[in-house]
C-alpha atoms as a PDB file:
ATOM      1  CA  UNK A   1      58.126  49.129  60.022  1.00  0.00           C
ATOM      2  CA  UNK A   2      54.935  49.202  57.934  1.00  0.00           C
ATOM      3  CA  UNK A   3      56.470  46.847  55.378  1.00  0.00           C
ATOM      4  CA  UNK A   4      56.963  44.275  58.113  1.00  0.00           C
ATOM      5  CA  UNK A   5      53.287  44.505  59.166  1.00  0.00           C
ATOM      6  CA  UNK A   6      52.182  44.183  55.555  1.00  0.00           C
ATOM      7  CA  UNK A   7      54.357  41.091  55.081  1.00  0.00           C
ATOM      8  CA  UNK A   8      52.962  39.561  58.302  1.00  0.00           C
ATOM      9  CA  UNK A   9      49.398  40.240  57.134  1.00  0.00           C
ATOM     10  CA  UNK A  10      50.136  38.671  53.777  1.00  0.00           C
ATOM     11  CA  UNK A  11      51.496  35.531  55.434  1.00  0.00           C
ATOM     12  CA  UNK A  12      48.295  35.067  57.469  1.00  0.00           C
ATOM     13  CA  UNK A  13      45.548  33.001  55.792  1.00  0.00           C
ATOM     14  CA  UNK A  14      42.735  35.078  54.312  1.00  0.00           C
ATOM     15  CA  UNK A  15      39.055  34.887  55.222  1.00  0.00           C
ATOM     16  CA  UNK A  16      38.170  32.387  52.480  1.00  0.00           C
ATOM     17  CA  UNK A  17      40.896  29.944  53.442  1.00  0.00           C
ATOM     18  CA  UNK A  18      39.941  30.123  57.133  1.00  0.00           C
ATOM     19  CA  UNK A  19      36.251  29.581  56.332  1.00  0.00           C
ATOM     20  CA  UNK A  20      37.007  26.714  53.954  1.00  0.00           C
ATOM     21  CA  UNK A  21      39.268  25.085  56.540  1.00  0.00           C
ATOM     22  CA  UNK A  22      36.606  25.363  59.233  1.00  0.00           C
ATOM     23  CA  UNK A  23      33.945  23.945  56.918  1.00  0.00           C
ATOM     24  CA  UNK A  24      36.176  21.020  55.970  1.00  0.00           C
ATOM     25  CA  UNK A  25      36.921  20.304  59.618  1.00  0.00           C
ATOM     26  CA  UNK A  26      33.228  20.453  60.509  1.00  0.00           C
ATOM     27  CA  UNK A  27      32.311  18.077  57.683  1.00  0.00           C
ATOM     28  CA  UNK A  28      35.018  15.604  58.717  1.00  0.00           C
ATOM     29  CA  UNK A  29      33.872  15.679  62.349  1.00  0.00           C
ATOM     30  CA  UNK A  30      30.140  15.502  61.562  1.00  0.00           C
ATOM     31  CA  UNK A  31      30.074  13.466  58.370  1.00  0.00           C
ATOM     32  CA  UNK A  32      26.873  11.589  59.180  1.00  0.00           C
ATOM     33  CA  UNK A  33      24.981  14.778  60.059  1.00  0.00           C
ATOM     34  CA  UNK A  34      26.175  16.453  56.854  1.00  0.00           C
ATOM     35  CA  UNK A  35      25.060  13.489  54.732  1.00  0.00           C
ATOM     36  CA  UNK A  36      21.614  13.573  56.357  1.00  0.00           C
ATOM     37  CA  UNK A  37      21.373  17.345  55.813  1.00  0.00           C
ATOM     38  CA  UNK A  38      22.380  17.163  52.160  1.00  0.00           C
ATOM     39  CA  UNK A  39      19.965  14.266  51.618  1.00  0.00           C
ATOM     40  CA  UNK A  40      17.155  16.284  53.179  1.00  0.00           C
ATOM     41  CA  UNK A  41      17.955  19.249  50.929  1.00  0.00           C
ATOM     42  CA  UNK A  42      17.933  17.019  47.859  1.00  0.00           C
ATOM     43  CA  UNK A  43      14.580  15.499  48.835  1.00  0.00           C
ATOM     44  CA  UNK A  44      13.081  18.952  49.470  1.00  0.00           C
ATOM     45  CA  UNK A  45      14.443  20.199  46.137  1.00  0.00           C
ATOM     46  CA  UNK A  46      12.985  17.228  44.281  1.00  0.00           C
ATOM     47  CA  UNK A  47       9.622  17.688  46.000  1.00  0.00           C
ATOM     48  CA  UNK A  48       9.508  21.379  45.054  1.00  0.00           C
ATOM     49  CA  UNK A  49      10.452  20.581  41.473  1.00  0.00           C
ATOM     50  CA  UNK A  50       7.758  17.902  41.253  1.00  0.00           C
ATOM     51  CA  UNK A  51       5.158  20.297  42.670  1.00  0.00           C
ATOM     52  CA  UNK A  52       6.112  23.018  40.186  1.00  0.00           C
ATOM     53  CA  UNK A  53       5.844  20.522  37.340  1.00  0.00           C
ATOM     54  CA  UNK A  54       2.408  19.442  38.604  1.00  0.00           C
ATOM     55  CA  UNK A  55       1.274  23.076  38.846  1.00  0.00           C
ATOM     56  CA  UNK A  56       2.514  23.806  35.349  1.00  0.00           C
ATOM     57  CA  UNK A  57       0.672  20.762  33.986  1.00  0.00           C
ATOM     58  CA  UNK A  58      -2.556  21.806  35.719  1.00  0.00           C
ATOM     59  CA  UNK A  59      -2.163  25.331  34.394  1.00  0.00           C
ATOM     60  CA  UNK A  60      -1.660  23.951  30.881  1.00  0.00           C
ATOM     61  CA  UNK A  61      -4.849  21.878  31.235  1.00  0.00           C
ATOM     62  CA  UNK A  62      -6.818  24.942  32.316  1.00  0.00           C
ATOM     63  CA  UNK A  63      -5.425  27.008  29.452  1.00  0.00           C
ATOM     64  CA  UNK A  64      -6.416  24.249  27.053  1.00  0.00           C
ATOM     65  CA  UNK A  65      -9.943  24.149  28.512  1.00  0.00           C
ATOM     66  CA  UNK A  66     -10.186  27.931  28.209  1.00  0.00           C
ATOM     67  CA  UNK A  67      -9.033  27.757  24.611  1.00  0.00           C
ATOM     68  CA  UNK A  68     -11.582  25.009  23.892  1.00  0.00           C
ATOM     69  CA  UNK A  69     -14.308  27.143  25.444  1.00  0.00           C
ATOM     70  CA  UNK A  70     -13.304  30.153  23.359  1.00  0.00           C
ATOM     71  CA  UNK A  71     -13.286  27.999  20.230  1.00  0.00           C
ATOM     72  CA  UNK A  72     -16.751  26.644  21.063  1.00  0.00           C
ATOM     73  CA  UNK A  73     -18.030  30.179  21.695  1.00  0.00           C
ATOM     74  CA  UNK A  74     -16.611  31.342  18.347  1.00  0.00           C
ATOM     75  CA  UNK A  75     -18.336  28.393  16.696  1.00  0.00           C
ATOM     76  CA  UNK A  76     -21.597  29.481  18.348  1.00  0.00           C
ATOM     77  CA  UNK A  77     -21.207  33.066  17.137  1.00  0.00           C
ATOM     78  CA  UNK A  78     -20.439  31.823  13.624  1.00  0.00           C
ATOM     79  CA  UNK A  79     -23.034  29.039  13.289  1.00  0.00           C
ATOM     80  CA  UNK A  80     -25.496  29.746  16.085  1.00  0.00           C
ATOM     81  CA  UNK A  81     -25.115  26.159  17.317  1.00  0.00           C
ATOM     82  CA  UNK A  82     -26.778  25.615  20.688  1.00  0.00           C
ATOM     83  CA  UNK A  83     -24.566  22.612  21.357  1.00  0.00           C
ATOM     84  CA  UNK A  84     -21.434  24.737  20.922  1.00  0.00           C
ATOM     85  CA  UNK A  85     -22.855  27.309  23.351  1.00  0.00           C
ATOM     86  CA  UNK A  86     -23.524  24.619  25.960  1.00  0.00           C
ATOM     87  CA  UNK A  87     -20.011  23.263  25.525  1.00  0.00           C
ATOM     88  CA  UNK A  88     -18.535  26.752  25.865  1.00  0.00           C
ATOM     89  CA  UNK A  89     -20.618  27.454  28.963  1.00  0.00           C
ATOM     90  CA  UNK A  90     -19.550  24.210  30.655  1.00  0.00           C
ATOM     91  CA  UNK A  91     -15.888  24.834  29.802  1.00  0.00           C
ATOM     92  CA  UNK A  92     -15.998  28.381  31.155  1.00  0.00           C
ATOM     93  CA  UNK A  93     -17.749  27.221  34.345  1.00  0.00           C
ATOM     94  CA  UNK A  94     -15.060  24.587  34.832  1.00  0.00           C
ATOM     95  CA  UNK A  95     -12.216  27.070  34.365  1.00  0.00           C
ATOM     96  CA  UNK A  96     -13.873  29.740  36.502  1.00  0.00           C
ATOM     97  CA  UNK A  97     -14.165  27.275  39.382  1.00  0.00           C
ATOM     98  CA  UNK A  98     -10.435  26.488  39.227  1.00  0.00           C
ATOM     99  CA  UNK A  99      -9.232  29.440  41.268  1.00  0.00           C
ATOM    100  CA  UNK A 100      -6.371  30.298  38.876  1.00  0.00           C
ATOM    101  CA  UNK A 101      -6.388  34.083  39.119  1.00  0.00           C
ATOM    102  CA  UNK A 102      -6.293  35.435  35.552  1.00  0.00           C
ATOM    103  CA  UNK A 103      -7.657  32.339  33.836  1.00  0.00           C
ATOM    104  CA  UNK A 104     -10.799  32.178  35.951  1.00  0.00           C
ATOM    105  CA  UNK A 105     -11.402  35.902  35.458  1.00  0.00           C
ATOM    106  CA  UNK A 106     -11.186  35.541  31.675  1.00  0.00           C
ATOM    107  CA  UNK A 107     -13.559  32.577  31.855  1.00  0.00           C
ATOM    108  CA  UNK A 108     -15.988  34.622  33.975  1.00  0.00           C
ATOM    109  CA  UNK A 109     -15.950  37.413  31.400  1.00  0.00           C
ATOM    110  CA  UNK A 110     -16.893  34.942  28.671  1.00  0.00           C
ATOM    111  CA  UNK A 111     -19.461  33.286  30.910  1.00  0.00           C
ATOM    112  CA  UNK A 112     -21.028  36.668  31.657  1.00  0.00           C
ATOM    113  CA  UNK A 113     -21.134  37.367  27.922  1.00  0.00           C
ATOM    114  CA  UNK A 114     -22.965  34.074  27.389  1.00  0.00           C
ATOM    115  CA  UNK A 115     -25.410  34.858  30.199  1.00  0.00           C
ATOM    116  CA  UNK A 116     -26.084  38.294  28.749  1.00  0.00           C
ATOM    117  CA  UNK A 117     -26.749  36.816  25.308  1.00  0.00           C
ATOM    118  CA  UNK A 118     -29.198  34.363  26.933  1.00  0.00           C
ATOM    119  CA  UNK A 119     -31.039  37.228  28.620  1.00  0.00           C
ATOM    120  CA  UNK A 120     -29.690  36.548  32.124  1.00  0.00           C
ATOM    121  CA  UNK A 121     -28.585  40.149  32.718  1.00  0.00           C
ATOM    122  CA  UNK A 122     -28.410  39.910  36.508  1.00  0.00           C
ATOM    123  CA  UNK A 123     -26.154  36.845  36.398  1.00  0.00           C
ATOM    124  CA  UNK A 124     -23.947  38.581  33.844  1.00  0.00           C
ATOM    125  CA  UNK A 125     -23.825  41.749  35.957  1.00  0.00           C
ATOM    126  CA  UNK A 126     -22.787  39.824  39.083  1.00  0.00           C
ATOM    127  CA  UNK A 127     -19.958  38.113  37.193  1.00  0.00           C
ATOM    128  CA  UNK A 128     -18.773  41.392  35.685  1.00  0.00           C
ATOM    129  CA  UNK A 129     -18.850  43.055  39.112  1.00  0.00           C
ATOM    130  CA  UNK A 130     -16.917  40.156  40.612  1.00  0.00           C
ATOM    131  CA  UNK A 131     -14.209  40.389  37.948  1.00  0.00           C
ATOM    132  CA  UNK A 132     -14.074  44.165  38.283  1.00  0.00           C
ATOM    133  CA  UNK A 133     -13.629  44.027  42.061  1.00  0.00           C
ATOM    134  CA  UNK A 134     -11.220  41.058  42.230  1.00  0.00           C
ATOM    135  CA  UNK A 135      -8.847  41.505  39.337  1.00  0.00           C
ATOM    136  CA  UNK A 136      -5.500  43.208  39.562  1.00  0.00           C
ATOM    137  CA  UNK A 137      -5.201  43.234  35.780  1.00  0.00           C
ATOM    138  CA  UNK A 138      -6.178  46.661  34.441  1.00  0.00           C
ATOM    139  CA  UNK A 139      -7.235  45.288  31.044  1.00  0.00           C
ATOM    140  CA  UNK A 140      -9.670  42.779  32.558  1.00  0.00           C
ATOM    141  CA  UNK A 141     -11.016  45.492  34.886  1.00  0.00           C
ATOM    142  CA  UNK A 142     -11.576  47.816  31.914  1.00  0.00           C
ATOM    143  CA  UNK A 143     -13.344  45.048  29.971  1.00  0.00           C
ATOM    144  CA  UNK A 144     -15.649  44.387  32.920  1.00  0.00           C
ATOM    145  CA  UNK A 145     -16.384  48.105  33.348  1.00  0.00           C
ATOM    146  CA  UNK A 146     -17.186  48.484  29.649  1.00  0.00           C
ATOM    147  CA  UNK A 147     -19.509  45.489  29.754  1.00  0.00           C
ATOM    148  CA  UNK A 148     -21.247  46.864  32.844  1.00  0.00           C
ATOM    149  CA  UNK A 149     -21.825  50.164  31.050  1.00  0.00           C
ATOM    150  CA  UNK A 150     -23.247  48.275  28.067  1.00  0.00           C
ATOM    151  CA  UNK A 151     -25.625  46.326  30.282  1.00  0.00           C
ATOM    152  CA  UNK A 152     -26.824  49.496  32.005  1.00  0.00           C
ATOM    153  CA  UNK A 153     -28.346  49.991  35.435  1.00  0.00           C
ATOM    154  CA  UNK A 154     -30.282  47.177  37.127  1.00  0.00           C
ATOM    155  CA  UNK A 155     -34.050  47.309  37.003  1.00  0.00           C
ATOM    156  CA  UNK A 156     -35.727  47.851  40.370  1.00  0.00           C
END
């Protein structure tokens, strides 16, 4: 008796065949709606891909600006060129205003270093405190804390 039930179960279509049959029937009955739905999905997919490409390009531009600023700062430390320091400062200000989480924090650390070297200790301290409080990156937080210790307590 159990062999008969097993044979009957085996003759019935399985879950995948039933689902595939229902999907095929639905598509045949609602062809226009399915075409519109697939078209909408393709358009949404293309829009998301284009946005990700745009974001990646903007991120690359910011990384390039940060690298240019670092290069200009290294040139300043090597040669003492005031023009290189101004270029580095403007690059770091530009990157720090971007809002890209880790890139703007790195730029603020360099900008604070420039301010400290120019004697603007309070501006440097505020940038270090901002990086220390905002960052989720432990290395950047440690760098900011170390710089704050080097600067010392504010004068009252």
